[in-house]
Each structure stands twice: as structure tokens, then as C-alpha cells.
Amino acid sequence: MLLTIDVGNTHTVLGLFDGDEIVEHWRISTDARRTADELAVILQGLMGMHPLLGEELGDGIEGIAICSTVPSVLHELREVTRRYYGDVPSVLVEPGVKTGVPILMDNPKEVGADRIINAVAAVELYDGPCVVVDFGTATTFDAVSARGEYVGGVIAPGIEISVEALGVRGAQLRKIELARPRSVIGKNTVEAMQSGILYGFAGQVDGVVRRMARELADDPEDVTVIATGGLAPMVLGESSVIDEHEPWLTLIGLRLVYERNVARG
């Protein structure tokens, strides 16, 4: 089986693939202070519970694919693959790795690996043109052309960042639960904040995506909009532009990149 690891600024998502099918997934906090040995213990604890894997670390794992937006964690995961999975083929997404997606940016190296991996999966699953909206620490909007090229994107503060900022900078405000309020017009401070976050972000997504679609295609209706990321379900029901929801888009992209670099190499 293939182990895929997507390291984000806040959370790390792990997926286990049996062929093309994701059969298990886990989400843990990202901690830049964790050492390779600590990460190996976490992996052993998670995968040791799966019935298709052996009790020893690495049993049943035939390949590993990793992308990370946190350089220090990528460094430690590189050490994990070397020390604990030395005989297992691995792909760490970094400059030089084959993705099949041309990057039409002023400086391609500054584009986050996860955003390119999302584009890889989006092209494979939905063709182009398309826009990927990833609800993570930041809310990112990534544009893919009809020819499968990564042509650019938009970065906005994420939902959790905005909630935390309100709680820190507002003298009479506090951190709130991310939940749908009873109505748009809040009847108390918590509901007013929840409404502002939920409907404010839904409006932001609709506005940004519509503008991107006009630049991306002659007919904006031809653009497929894909939502992913841990907080996507919160906005799905309120956005009018999202066509598809694929929670494992990055993990699928990692599987595809692994196949292009190792399995079919």
C-alpha cells in the first residue's frame, strides 16, 4: 500500500491507498518541533491499528509520497524515510519532481507544493479549466488552464486565522466555535461573529472565484470549482460557485505524483 503525507501549517493529513482507493486516513497536528523519531512513533501508532498492515513499522507499506509547507517537518520526514523505511520507494515533492503540470509563474519555486499537488489531482479528476479552493490555515484559490497548466492563484487569510484575530484584537470579543448560527442576523455576539465568518467567507469565495473564472476561460461556466481542505464543509452549503467537494484532493495528487516518479518510472 501507498502512504501519503500532506503536511500543512496547522494539520498533517495522512492517507493510505490500496491501488487507487483510499482505505484509511488520519489527521494530526503539525508540530515543527517533532523529531524524526517522534514522527516514526506516531506513524507506528496510527498504522499499527490498521488490519491490512503488520505490527512492525513499515509492514505492508510499498511506497511513500510526501509534500510539506513546513520545511523543518519535511527535513524530519526525510530522515524518517531514510531510517525507518529505507527499502521503501519514496517521493518527497520538491523542485525536480515530475508532476506533469507546467507552472506558469514568475518564480515557480515559490508556489507551495500542496498547491501544485492539488492542481495535479484536479486535472486528473476534472480536467481544465478549473479553480481549486483549499480551506486551510490560509484560504487559497488556484487556477488551472484548459491545457492543464498552473497559471496562478489567490491567497487570503484562513477561517481559523480570522476567528483568532477577532478574539485577540476585539476587546469585547472572544474565540468562538466555528458553527452555523441560527440566522444571518445574529441575536448575540457569538452568533454575530459566526455569521460574519461563515457568510463573509462564502461571499469571499463566490466573489474571488467569479473574477478568476472570467480571466481563466472565455465562458466562465466552463470552469469547474473544486473545494478541499478541513474547513470546506463549513462553507459548501453557502457558496453558490463550488461544483465539487473532494476532501482528499491533495492525497490523490500525491498518489499520482508517486506513480509518475516511481511506479511508472
Protein backbone atom coordinates (compact mmCIF):
# COMPACT_ATOMS: atom_id res chain seq x y z
CA MET A 1 0.00 0.00 0.00
CA LEU A 2 1.00 3.62 -0.52
CA LEU A 3 1.34 6.03 2.42
CA THR A 4 0.69 9.67 1.53
CA ILE A 5 1.53 12.54 3.89
CA ASP A 6 0.37 16.13 3.42
CA VAL A 7 2.00 18.47 5.95
CA GLY A 8 0.16 21.78 6.36
CA ASN A 9 0.90 24.68 8.66
CA THR A 10 -1.75 23.59 11.18
CA HIS A 11 -2.57 19.95 10.45
CA THR A 12 -0.89 16.97 8.83
CA VAL A 13 -3.15 14.61 6.89
CA LEU A 14 -2.10 11.04 6.18
CA GLY A 15 -3.76 8.69 3.74
CA LEU A 16 -3.33 5.02 2.97
CA PHE A 17 -4.04 3.87 -0.59
CA ASP A 18 -4.73 0.36 -1.79
CA GLY A 19 -4.33 0.90 -5.53
CA ASP A 20 -6.47 3.90 -6.48
CA GLU A 21 -8.67 3.65 -3.38
CA ILE A 22 -8.01 5.49 -0.14
CA VAL A 23 -8.71 2.94 2.58
CA GLU A 24 -7.68 4.89 5.69
CA HIS A 25 -6.86 8.44 6.70
CA TRP A 26 -5.68 10.29 9.78
CA ARG A 27 -5.30 13.95 10.81
CA ILE A 28 -2.74 15.08 13.41
CA SER A 29 -1.46 18.48 14.48
CA THR A 30 1.64 19.82 12.74
CA ASP A 31 4.44 20.46 15.20
CA ALA A 32 7.70 21.76 13.77
CA ARG A 33 9.50 20.66 16.95
CA ARG A 34 8.85 16.95 16.46
CA THR A 35 11.91 14.88 15.65
CA ALA A 36 12.12 12.07 13.13
CA ASP A 37 11.95 9.53 15.95
CA GLU A 38 8.80 11.10 17.38
CA LEU A 39 7.18 11.12 13.95
CA ALA A 40 8.08 7.46 13.49
CA VAL A 41 6.39 6.60 16.78
CA ILE A 42 3.23 8.44 15.70
CA LEU A 43 3.19 6.62 12.36
CA GLN A 44 3.65 3.27 14.07
CA GLY A 45 0.81 4.01 16.50
CA LEU A 46 -1.60 5.01 13.74
CA MET A 47 -0.79 2.34 11.20
CA GLY A 48 -0.43 -0.40 13.78
CA MET A 49 -4.19 -0.21 14.29
CA HIS A 50 -4.98 -0.95 10.63
CA PRO A 51 -5.91 -4.58 9.89
CA LEU A 52 -4.21 -4.60 6.49
CA LEU A 53 -0.82 -3.63 7.91
CA GLY A 54 1.61 -5.56 10.09
CA GLU A 55 2.51 -4.66 13.64
CA GLU A 56 6.08 -3.67 12.74
CA LEU A 57 6.74 -0.20 11.34
CA GLY A 58 6.77 -0.41 7.55
CA ASP A 59 4.99 -3.76 7.22
CA GLY A 60 2.66 -3.54 4.22
CA ILE A 61 3.91 -0.12 3.07
CA GLU A 62 5.15 -0.34 -0.52
CA GLY A 63 5.66 3.37 -1.21
CA ILE A 64 5.59 6.81 0.42
CA ALA A 65 4.71 10.22 -1.05
CA ILE A 66 5.15 13.43 0.97
CA CYS A 67 4.56 17.13 0.47
CA SER A 68 5.08 19.79 3.11
CA THR A 69 4.63 23.53 3.52
CA VAL A 70 6.80 23.40 6.67
CA PRO A 71 10.50 22.96 5.75
CA SER A 72 11.58 21.72 9.18
CA VAL A 73 8.96 18.96 9.15
CA LEU A 74 9.96 17.96 5.62
CA HIS A 75 13.54 17.61 6.85
CA GLU A 76 12.47 15.29 9.68
CA LEU A 77 10.22 13.24 7.41
CA ARG A 78 13.13 12.80 5.03
CA GLU A 79 15.00 11.30 7.97
CA VAL A 80 12.02 9.08 8.81
CA THR A 81 12.02 7.61 5.31
CA ARG A 82 15.77 7.04 5.46
CA ARG A 83 15.93 5.44 8.92
CA TYR A 84 12.65 3.57 9.18
CA TYR A 85 11.58 2.96 5.57
CA GLY A 86 14.97 2.59 3.91
CA ASP A 87 13.84 -0.14 1.50
CA VAL A 88 10.56 1.58 0.55
CA PRO A 89 10.49 3.83 -2.56
CA SER A 90 9.61 7.38 -1.56
CA VAL A 91 8.85 10.68 -3.29
CA LEU A 92 9.23 14.00 -1.48
CA VAL A 93 7.64 16.74 -3.56
CA GLU A 94 10.24 19.44 -4.20
CA PRO A 95 11.82 21.12 -7.25
CA GLY A 96 12.80 18.49 -9.79
CA VAL A 97 9.97 16.06 -9.07
CA LYS A 98 7.83 15.24 -12.11
CA THR A 99 4.23 16.39 -11.68
CA GLY A 100 3.00 16.71 -15.26
CA VAL A 101 1.67 20.20 -14.54
CA PRO A 102 3.57 23.17 -16.06
CA ILE A 103 3.85 26.07 -13.60
CA LEU A 104 3.36 29.42 -15.34
CA MET A 105 4.53 31.67 -12.51
CA ASP A 106 7.21 34.37 -12.25
CA ASN A 107 9.05 32.13 -9.78
CA PRO A 108 7.70 28.54 -9.87
CA LYS A 109 9.76 27.55 -6.82
CA GLU A 110 7.77 29.86 -4.54
CA VAL A 111 4.48 28.04 -5.16
CA GLY A 112 3.57 25.76 -2.25
CA ALA A 113 4.00 22.06 -3.01
CA ASP A 114 0.47 21.31 -1.80
CA ARG A 115 -1.00 23.78 -4.29
CA ILE A 116 0.78 22.11 -7.20
CA ILE A 117 -0.29 18.69 -5.95
CA ASN A 118 -3.90 19.91 -5.78
CA ALA A 119 -3.61 21.06 -9.39
CA VAL A 120 -2.29 17.62 -10.41
CA ALA A 121 -5.31 15.91 -8.88
CA ALA A 122 -7.78 18.48 -10.22
CA VAL A 123 -6.56 18.00 -13.80
CA GLU A 124 -6.73 14.21 -13.45
CA LEU A 125 -10.21 14.16 -11.93
CA TYR A 126 -11.96 17.10 -13.58
CA ASP A 127 -9.80 18.32 -16.49
CA GLY A 128 -9.36 22.05 -17.03
CA PRO A 129 -10.08 24.83 -16.75
CA CYS A 130 -10.69 24.67 -13.02
CA VAL A 131 -10.21 26.52 -9.75
CA VAL A 132 -9.23 24.71 -6.54
CA VAL A 133 -10.32 26.37 -3.30
CA ASP A 134 -8.39 24.95 -0.35
CA PHE A 135 -9.74 25.86 3.09
CA GLY A 136 -6.70 25.51 5.33
CA THR A 137 -4.60 27.81 7.50
CA ALA A 138 -4.89 30.16 4.54
CA THR A 139 -7.71 30.01 2.02
CA THR A 140 -6.00 29.50 -1.33
CA PHE A 141 -7.51 29.73 -4.80
CA ASP A 142 -5.51 28.01 -7.55
CA ALA A 143 -6.22 28.37 -11.27
CA VAL A 144 -5.59 25.61 -13.79
CA SER A 145 -5.95 26.29 -17.52
CA ALA A 146 -7.77 24.20 -20.11
CA ARG A 147 -4.36 22.79 -21.08
CA GLY A 148 -3.62 21.63 -17.54
CA GLU A 149 -1.22 24.44 -16.63
CA TYR A 150 -0.96 26.01 -13.20
CA VAL A 151 -1.41 29.68 -14.07
CA GLY A 152 -1.56 31.36 -10.66
CA GLY A 153 -3.77 31.92 -7.68
CA VAL A 154 -5.03 33.96 -4.76
CA ILE A 155 -4.13 33.71 -1.08
CA ALA A 156 -6.43 35.00 1.67
CA PRO A 157 -6.44 34.61 5.46
CA GLY A 158 -7.99 31.34 6.52
CA ILE A 159 -11.15 30.90 8.56
CA GLU A 160 -9.40 29.91 11.78
CA ILE A 161 -6.88 32.76 11.45
CA SER A 162 -9.74 35.23 11.13
CA VAL A 163 -11.54 33.82 14.17
CA GLU A 164 -8.37 34.04 16.25
CA ALA A 165 -7.68 37.59 15.08
CA LEU A 166 -11.16 38.71 16.11
CA GLY A 167 -10.72 37.19 19.54
CA VAL A 168 -7.29 38.74 20.07
CA ARG A 169 -7.91 42.22 18.68
CA GLY A 170 -11.51 42.75 19.75
CA ALA A 171 -11.73 43.98 23.34
CA GLN A 172 -15.23 42.54 23.87
CA LEU A 173 -14.85 39.56 21.55
CA ARG A 174 -13.53 36.07 22.16
CA LYS A 175 -12.64 32.95 20.25
CA ILE A 176 -15.79 31.13 19.16
CA GLU A 177 -16.82 27.72 17.90
CA LEU A 178 -16.95 27.50 14.11
CA ALA A 179 -20.62 26.65 13.67
CA ARG A 180 -23.62 27.79 11.62
CA PRO A 181 -25.69 30.41 13.50
CA ARG A 182 -29.47 30.29 13.77
CA SER A 183 -29.83 33.17 11.31
CA VAL A 184 -27.72 35.62 9.34
CA ILE A 185 -28.70 38.40 11.74
CA GLY A 186 -27.05 37.34 14.98
CA LYS A 187 -29.05 37.64 18.21
CA ASN A 188 -25.92 37.68 20.39
CA THR A 189 -22.21 38.36 20.00
CA VAL A 190 -21.25 34.75 19.34
CA GLU A 191 -23.88 34.29 16.64
CA ALA A 192 -22.97 37.65 15.09
CA MET A 193 -19.33 36.54 14.85
CA GLN A 194 -20.30 33.11 13.48
CA SER A 195 -22.48 34.77 10.86
CA GLY A 196 -19.72 37.16 9.84
CA ILE A 197 -17.22 34.33 9.47
CA LEU A 198 -19.50 31.87 7.65
CA TYR A 199 -21.31 34.18 5.27
CA GLY A 200 -18.35 36.52 4.91
CA PHE A 201 -16.13 33.68 3.72
CA ALA A 202 -18.85 32.27 1.46
CA GLY A 203 -19.20 35.70 -0.14
CA GLN A 204 -15.43 35.97 -0.48
CA VAL A 205 -15.23 32.60 -2.22
CA ASP A 206 -18.03 33.45 -4.63
CA GLY A 207 -16.58 36.85 -5.48
CA VAL A 208 -12.98 35.72 -5.96
CA VAL A 209 -13.89 32.61 -7.96
CA ARG A 210 -16.17 34.53 -10.32
CA ARG A 211 -13.40 37.01 -11.07
CA MET A 212 -10.87 34.22 -11.59
CA ALA A 213 -13.24 32.33 -13.89
CA ARG A 214 -13.66 35.40 -16.11
CA GLU A 215 -9.89 35.54 -16.57
CA LEU A 216 -9.47 31.80 -16.95
CA ALA A 217 -11.99 30.99 -19.69
CA ASP A 218 -13.98 32.69 -22.42
CA ASP A 219 -17.08 31.17 -20.85
CA PRO A 220 -16.81 31.23 -17.03
CA GLU A 221 -19.39 28.44 -16.87
CA ASP A 222 -16.77 26.09 -18.32
CA VAL A 223 -14.64 26.44 -15.17
CA THR A 224 -15.03 23.64 -12.60
CA VAL A 225 -14.65 24.79 -8.99
CA ILE A 226 -13.33 22.19 -6.54
CA ALA A 227 -13.33 22.66 -2.76
CA THR A 228 -10.94 20.83 -0.44
CA GLY A 229 -9.36 21.30 2.98
CA GLY A 230 -10.53 20.58 6.51
CA LEU A 231 -12.87 23.57 6.78
CA ALA A 232 -14.50 23.20 3.35
CA PRO A 233 -17.70 21.53 4.68
CA MET A 234 -18.49 24.66 6.67
CA VAL A 235 -18.77 26.79 3.52
CA LEU A 236 -20.10 24.26 0.99
CA GLY A 237 -23.76 24.87 1.66
CA GLU A 238 -23.44 28.65 1.48
CA SER A 239 -21.29 29.11 -1.61
CA SER A 240 -23.00 29.26 -5.00
CA VAL A 241 -19.92 28.59 -7.14
CA ILE A 242 -18.50 25.32 -5.78
CA ASP A 243 -19.16 22.39 -8.11
CA GLU A 244 -17.25 19.56 -6.46
CA HIS A 245 -16.03 18.69 -2.97
CA GLU A 246 -13.00 16.39 -2.79
CA PRO A 247 -11.66 16.20 0.78
CA TRP A 248 -8.70 14.00 -0.25
CA LEU A 249 -7.61 16.04 -3.27
CA THR A 250 -4.04 16.54 -2.01
CA LEU A 251 -3.64 12.89 -1.07
CA ILE A 252 -4.89 11.83 -4.50
CA GLY A 253 -2.42 14.22 -6.09
CA LEU A 254 0.39 12.69 -4.04
CA ARG A 255 -0.60 9.24 -5.29
CA LEU A 256 -0.50 10.46 -8.88
CA VAL A 257 2.90 12.11 -8.45
CA TYR A 258 4.27 8.97 -6.82
CA GLU A 259 3.11 6.92 -9.81
CA ARG A 260 4.70 9.35 -12.26
CA ASN A 261 8.04 9.29 -10.45
CA VAL A 262 8.35 5.75 -9.11
CA ALA A 263 5.68 3.24 -10.00
CA ARG A 264 5.87 4.03 -13.70
CA GLY A 265 9.39 5.39 -13.70
